[in-house]
Amino acid sequence: MDRLTTLMAETADLLGQPARIGIVEVLSDGPATAREIAARLDLSPGVVADELLVLVVATIVRADADERFALTDPDVASACRTIRSVLRGRLASLETLADLTLEGRAHL
């Protein structure tokens, strides 16, 4: 595997936690404190602090001197939005397929 493919897999694994995705989505609106993030996501400040630490160590998020967190690269949020859009389409297709399957069984 090439280095870029490996990095993509590592990043996908890193963002594979709902709280981390939520944090990235909150920070896509601009810098925020851990308490602000926790309030927006309805998570405990401790959980948010733990997840922020992971994201800071991975250099996806940075902290400033005022303890406000921000994305190091806004394209990370853009990638998350793209993945959300793709999955929304796949989910709609699966729901349509499930509906068709149920309709087919009703006619048996």
N, C-alpha and C. Protein backbone atom coordinates (compact mmCIF):
# COMPACT_ATOMS: atom_id res chain seq x y z
N MET A 1 0.84 -1.19 0.00
CA MET A 1 0.00 0.00 0.00
C MET A 1 0.88 1.25 0.00
N ASP A 2 0.39 2.28 -0.66
CA ASP A 2 1.14 3.53 -0.63
C ASP A 2 0.81 4.30 0.65
N ARG A 3 1.63 5.27 0.96
CA ARG A 3 1.51 6.03 2.22
C ARG A 3 0.19 6.77 2.31
N LEU A 4 -0.30 7.32 1.19
CA LEU A 4 -1.56 8.06 1.20
C LEU A 4 -2.73 7.15 1.55
N THR A 5 -2.76 5.96 0.99
CA THR A 5 -3.83 5.00 1.29
C THR A 5 -3.79 4.62 2.77
N THR A 6 -2.60 4.40 3.28
CA THR A 6 -2.46 4.07 4.70
C THR A 6 -2.94 5.22 5.57
N LEU A 7 -2.57 6.44 5.22
CA LEU A 7 -3.01 7.61 5.98
C LEU A 7 -4.53 7.78 5.93
N MET A 8 -5.12 7.52 4.77
CA MET A 8 -6.58 7.59 4.65
C MET A 8 -7.25 6.59 5.59
N ALA A 9 -6.73 5.38 5.63
CA ALA A 9 -7.30 4.35 6.50
C ALA A 9 -7.14 4.73 7.98
N GLU A 10 -5.98 5.26 8.33
CA GLU A 10 -5.75 5.67 9.72
C GLU A 10 -6.69 6.81 10.12
N THR A 11 -6.89 7.76 9.21
CA THR A 11 -7.78 8.88 9.50
C THR A 11 -9.23 8.42 9.62
N ALA A 12 -9.63 7.54 8.74
CA ALA A 12 -10.99 7.00 8.80
C ALA A 12 -11.20 6.26 10.12
N ASP A 13 -10.21 5.50 10.54
CA ASP A 13 -10.29 4.79 11.81
C ASP A 13 -10.38 5.78 12.97
N LEU A 14 -9.57 6.81 12.91
CA LEU A 14 -9.55 7.82 13.96
C LEU A 14 -10.90 8.53 14.07
N LEU A 15 -11.51 8.83 12.94
CA LEU A 15 -12.79 9.54 12.94
C LEU A 15 -13.98 8.59 13.06
N GLY A 16 -13.70 7.33 13.29
CA GLY A 16 -14.75 6.32 13.37
C GLY A 16 -15.51 6.30 14.68
N GLN A 17 -15.48 7.37 15.43
CA GLN A 17 -16.21 7.47 16.69
C GLN A 17 -17.23 8.60 16.57
N PRO A 18 -18.49 8.36 16.91
CA PRO A 18 -19.51 9.40 16.76
C PRO A 18 -19.16 10.72 17.45
N ALA A 19 -18.57 10.66 18.63
CA ALA A 19 -18.22 11.90 19.33
C ALA A 19 -17.17 12.69 18.55
N ARG A 20 -16.22 12.01 17.97
CA ARG A 20 -15.17 12.70 17.21
C ARG A 20 -15.74 13.33 15.94
N ILE A 21 -16.64 12.62 15.28
CA ILE A 21 -17.30 13.19 14.10
C ILE A 21 -18.09 14.43 14.51
N GLY A 22 -18.80 14.33 15.62
CA GLY A 22 -19.56 15.48 16.11
C GLY A 22 -18.67 16.67 16.41
N ILE A 23 -17.53 16.42 17.01
CA ILE A 23 -16.58 17.49 17.32
C ILE A 23 -16.11 18.16 16.04
N VAL A 24 -15.76 17.36 15.04
CA VAL A 24 -15.32 17.93 13.76
C VAL A 24 -16.44 18.77 13.16
N GLU A 25 -17.67 18.29 13.24
CA GLU A 25 -18.79 19.05 12.68
C GLU A 25 -19.01 20.36 13.44
N VAL A 26 -18.91 20.33 14.76
CA VAL A 26 -19.04 21.57 15.55
C VAL A 26 -17.93 22.54 15.17
N LEU A 27 -16.70 22.05 15.09
CA LEU A 27 -15.57 22.92 14.79
C LEU A 27 -15.57 23.41 13.35
N SER A 28 -16.37 22.78 12.49
CA SER A 28 -16.47 23.29 11.11
C SER A 28 -17.15 24.65 11.09
N ASP A 29 -17.88 24.98 12.17
CA ASP A 29 -18.51 26.30 12.29
C ASP A 29 -17.56 27.34 12.86
N GLY A 30 -16.39 26.91 13.33
CA GLY A 30 -15.40 27.82 13.89
C GLY A 30 -14.91 27.33 15.24
N PRO A 31 -13.91 28.00 15.79
CA PRO A 31 -13.33 27.59 17.07
C PRO A 31 -14.36 27.56 18.20
N ALA A 32 -14.12 26.68 19.16
CA ALA A 32 -15.04 26.54 20.30
C ALA A 32 -14.27 25.95 21.48
N THR A 33 -14.77 26.22 22.67
CA THR A 33 -14.19 25.62 23.87
C THR A 33 -14.75 24.21 24.04
N ALA A 34 -14.12 23.45 24.91
CA ALA A 34 -14.60 22.09 25.19
C ALA A 34 -16.02 22.14 25.75
N ARG A 35 -16.30 23.11 26.61
CA ARG A 35 -17.65 23.22 27.18
C ARG A 35 -18.69 23.56 26.12
N GLU A 36 -18.32 24.44 25.19
CA GLU A 36 -19.25 24.77 24.10
C GLU A 36 -19.53 23.55 23.23
N ILE A 37 -18.49 22.80 22.94
CA ILE A 37 -18.65 21.58 22.15
C ILE A 37 -19.53 20.59 22.88
N ALA A 38 -19.26 20.40 24.17
CA ALA A 38 -20.05 19.45 24.98
C ALA A 38 -21.52 19.85 24.98
N ALA A 39 -21.79 21.13 25.12
CA ALA A 39 -23.18 21.59 25.15
C ALA A 39 -23.87 21.36 23.82
N ARG A 40 -23.17 21.63 22.72
CA ARG A 40 -23.78 21.43 21.40
C ARG A 40 -24.04 19.97 21.09
N LEU A 41 -23.18 19.10 21.60
CA LEU A 41 -23.33 17.67 21.31
C LEU A 41 -24.07 16.91 22.39
N ASP A 42 -24.42 17.60 23.46
CA ASP A 42 -25.09 16.97 24.60
C ASP A 42 -24.24 15.81 25.15
N LEU A 43 -22.94 16.07 25.30
CA LEU A 43 -22.01 15.10 25.86
C LEU A 43 -21.40 15.70 27.12
N SER A 44 -20.88 14.85 27.97
CA SER A 44 -20.22 15.35 29.17
C SER A 44 -18.90 16.02 28.79
N PRO A 45 -18.52 17.06 29.53
CA PRO A 45 -17.23 17.72 29.25
C PRO A 45 -16.06 16.75 29.31
N GLY A 46 -16.13 15.75 30.17
CA GLY A 46 -15.05 14.77 30.27
C GLY A 46 -14.89 13.96 29.00
N VAL A 47 -16.00 13.52 28.43
CA VAL A 47 -15.95 12.76 27.17
C VAL A 47 -15.37 13.63 26.07
N VAL A 48 -15.84 14.87 25.99
CA VAL A 48 -15.35 15.78 24.95
C VAL A 48 -13.85 16.04 25.14
N ALA A 49 -13.42 16.24 26.38
CA ALA A 49 -12.00 16.47 26.64
C ALA A 49 -11.16 15.28 26.19
N ASP A 50 -11.62 14.07 26.49
CA ASP A 50 -10.88 12.87 26.08
C ASP A 50 -10.78 12.78 24.56
N GLU A 51 -11.89 13.03 23.88
CA GLU A 51 -11.90 12.92 22.42
C GLU A 51 -11.09 14.05 21.78
N LEU A 52 -11.14 15.25 22.37
CA LEU A 52 -10.33 16.35 21.86
C LEU A 52 -8.84 16.02 21.97
N LEU A 53 -8.45 15.39 23.05
CA LEU A 53 -7.05 15.00 23.21
C LEU A 53 -6.61 14.08 22.07
N VAL A 54 -7.44 13.12 21.73
CA VAL A 54 -7.12 12.20 20.63
C VAL A 54 -6.97 12.99 19.33
N LEU A 55 -7.89 13.91 19.08
CA LEU A 55 -7.86 14.68 17.84
C LEU A 55 -6.69 15.67 17.80
N VAL A 56 -6.30 16.21 18.95
CA VAL A 56 -5.14 17.11 19.00
C VAL A 56 -3.86 16.32 18.74
N VAL A 57 -3.72 15.17 19.39
CA VAL A 57 -2.52 14.34 19.19
C VAL A 57 -2.41 13.92 17.73
N ALA A 58 -3.55 13.69 17.08
CA ALA A 58 -3.56 13.28 15.68
C ALA A 58 -3.41 14.47 14.72
N THR A 59 -3.30 15.65 15.26
CA THR A 59 -3.15 16.92 14.52
C THR A 59 -4.34 17.25 13.62
N ILE A 60 -5.51 16.75 13.97
CA ILE A 60 -6.73 17.12 13.26
C ILE A 60 -7.31 18.39 13.87
N VAL A 61 -7.08 18.55 15.17
CA VAL A 61 -7.57 19.71 15.92
C VAL A 61 -6.38 20.34 16.63
N ARG A 62 -6.44 21.66 16.78
CA ARG A 62 -5.41 22.37 17.55
C ARG A 62 -6.10 23.20 18.62
N ALA A 63 -5.37 23.50 19.67
CA ALA A 63 -5.87 24.35 20.75
C ALA A 63 -5.06 25.62 20.78
N ASP A 64 -5.75 26.74 21.08
CA ASP A 64 -5.00 27.99 21.22
C ASP A 64 -4.80 28.29 22.71
N ALA A 65 -4.18 29.41 23.00
CA ALA A 65 -3.86 29.77 24.39
C ALA A 65 -5.10 30.02 25.23
N ASP A 66 -6.23 30.33 24.58
CA ASP A 66 -7.48 30.58 25.30
C ASP A 66 -8.32 29.32 25.46
N GLU A 67 -7.71 28.16 25.18
CA GLU A 67 -8.38 26.87 25.28
C GLU A 67 -9.58 26.76 24.34
N ARG A 68 -9.44 27.40 23.18
CA ARG A 68 -10.43 27.25 22.12
C ARG A 68 -9.82 26.28 21.10
N PHE A 69 -10.64 25.39 20.63
CA PHE A 69 -10.19 24.37 19.70
C PHE A 69 -10.65 24.71 18.29
N ALA A 70 -9.84 24.32 17.31
CA ALA A 70 -10.16 24.58 15.91
C ALA A 70 -9.61 23.44 15.06
N LEU A 71 -10.19 23.27 13.89
CA LEU A 71 -9.66 22.29 12.95
C LEU A 71 -8.34 22.80 12.39
N THR A 72 -7.39 21.91 12.23
CA THR A 72 -6.11 22.31 11.62
C THR A 72 -6.27 22.47 10.12
N ASP A 73 -7.26 21.78 9.54
CA ASP A 73 -7.50 21.85 8.10
C ASP A 73 -9.00 21.76 7.86
N PRO A 74 -9.63 22.80 7.33
CA PRO A 74 -11.08 22.76 7.11
C PRO A 74 -11.51 21.68 6.12
N ASP A 75 -10.59 21.16 5.33
CA ASP A 75 -10.95 20.09 4.40
C ASP A 75 -11.37 18.82 5.13
N VAL A 76 -10.96 18.66 6.39
CA VAL A 76 -11.41 17.49 7.17
C VAL A 76 -12.93 17.55 7.33
N ALA A 77 -13.46 18.72 7.65
CA ALA A 77 -14.91 18.88 7.78
C ALA A 77 -15.59 18.67 6.43
N SER A 78 -14.96 19.15 5.38
CA SER A 78 -15.52 18.96 4.04
C SER A 78 -15.59 17.47 3.68
N ALA A 79 -14.55 16.73 4.03
CA ALA A 79 -14.54 15.28 3.79
C ALA A 79 -15.65 14.59 4.57
N CYS A 80 -15.86 15.01 5.82
CA CYS A 80 -16.94 14.43 6.63
C CYS A 80 -18.30 14.72 6.02
N ARG A 81 -18.49 15.95 5.51
CA ARG A 81 -19.76 16.29 4.87
C ARG A 81 -19.98 15.45 3.61
N THR A 82 -18.91 15.22 2.85
CA THR A 82 -19.01 14.40 1.65
C THR A 82 -19.40 12.96 2.01
N ILE A 83 -18.74 12.42 3.01
CA ILE A 83 -19.06 11.05 3.44
C ILE A 83 -20.51 10.98 3.93
N ARG A 84 -20.95 11.99 4.69
CA ARG A 84 -22.34 12.02 5.18
C ARG A 84 -23.32 12.03 3.99
N SER A 85 -23.01 12.79 2.97
CA SER A 85 -23.87 12.86 1.79
C SER A 85 -23.93 11.51 1.07
N VAL A 86 -22.80 10.87 0.90
CA VAL A 86 -22.75 9.55 0.27
C VAL A 86 -23.57 8.56 1.08
N LEU A 87 -23.38 8.56 2.39
CA LEU A 87 -24.09 7.60 3.24
C LEU A 87 -25.59 7.89 3.29
N ARG A 88 -25.97 9.17 3.23
CA ARG A 88 -27.39 9.52 3.19
C ARG A 88 -28.04 8.91 1.94
N GLY A 89 -27.34 8.99 0.82
CA GLY A 89 -27.85 8.39 -0.42
C GLY A 89 -27.93 6.88 -0.33
N ARG A 90 -26.91 6.27 0.25
CA ARG A 90 -26.93 4.80 0.41
C ARG A 90 -28.05 4.37 1.35
N LEU A 91 -28.24 5.13 2.43
CA LEU A 91 -29.31 4.81 3.38
C LEU A 91 -30.67 4.90 2.71
N ALA A 92 -30.87 5.94 1.91
CA ALA A 92 -32.14 6.09 1.19
C ALA A 92 -32.37 4.90 0.25
N SER A 93 -31.31 4.46 -0.42
CA SER A 93 -31.43 3.31 -1.32
C SER A 93 -31.77 2.04 -0.54
N LEU A 94 -31.14 1.86 0.61
CA LEU A 94 -31.43 0.68 1.43
C LEU A 94 -32.85 0.71 1.96
N GLU A 95 -33.32 1.89 2.35
CA GLU A 95 -34.70 2.01 2.84
C GLU A 95 -35.69 1.71 1.72
N THR A 96 -35.40 2.18 0.52
CA THR A 96 -36.26 1.89 -0.63
C THR A 96 -36.29 0.39 -0.90
N LEU A 97 -35.12 -0.24 -0.86
CA LEU A 97 -35.04 -1.68 -1.07
C LEU A 97 -35.82 -2.43 0.00
N ALA A 98 -35.71 -2.00 1.25
CA ALA A 98 -36.45 -2.65 2.34
C ALA A 98 -37.94 -2.49 2.13
N ASP A 99 -38.38 -1.30 1.72
CA ASP A 99 -39.80 -1.07 1.46
C ASP A 99 -40.30 -1.97 0.34
N LEU A 100 -39.52 -2.10 -0.72
CA LEU A 100 -39.91 -2.97 -1.83
C LEU A 100 -39.98 -4.43 -1.39
N THR A 101 -39.05 -4.83 -0.55
CA THR A 101 -39.05 -6.21 -0.05
C THR A 101 -40.29 -6.46 0.80
N LEU A 102 -40.64 -5.52 1.65
CA LEU A 102 -41.84 -5.67 2.49
C LEU A 102 -43.11 -5.70 1.64
N GLU A 103 -43.15 -4.87 0.61
CA GLU A 103 -44.31 -4.85 -0.28
C GLU A 103 -44.43 -6.18 -1.00
N GLY A 104 -43.31 -6.75 -1.42
CA GLY A 104 -43.30 -8.04 -2.12
C GLY A 104 -43.80 -9.15 -1.21
N ARG A 105 -43.42 -9.11 0.04
CA ARG A 105 -43.87 -10.13 1.00
C ARG A 105 -45.36 -9.98 1.30
N ALA A 106 -45.86 -8.77 1.26
CA ALA A 106 -47.28 -8.53 1.55
C ALA A 106 -48.16 -9.13 0.46
N HIS A 107 -47.62 -9.28 -0.73
CA HIS A 107 -48.39 -9.81 -1.85
C HIS A 107 -48.32 -11.33 -1.94
N LEU A 108 -47.57 -11.94 -1.05
CA LEU A 108 -47.44 -13.42 -1.08
C LEU A 108 -48.63 -14.08 -0.47
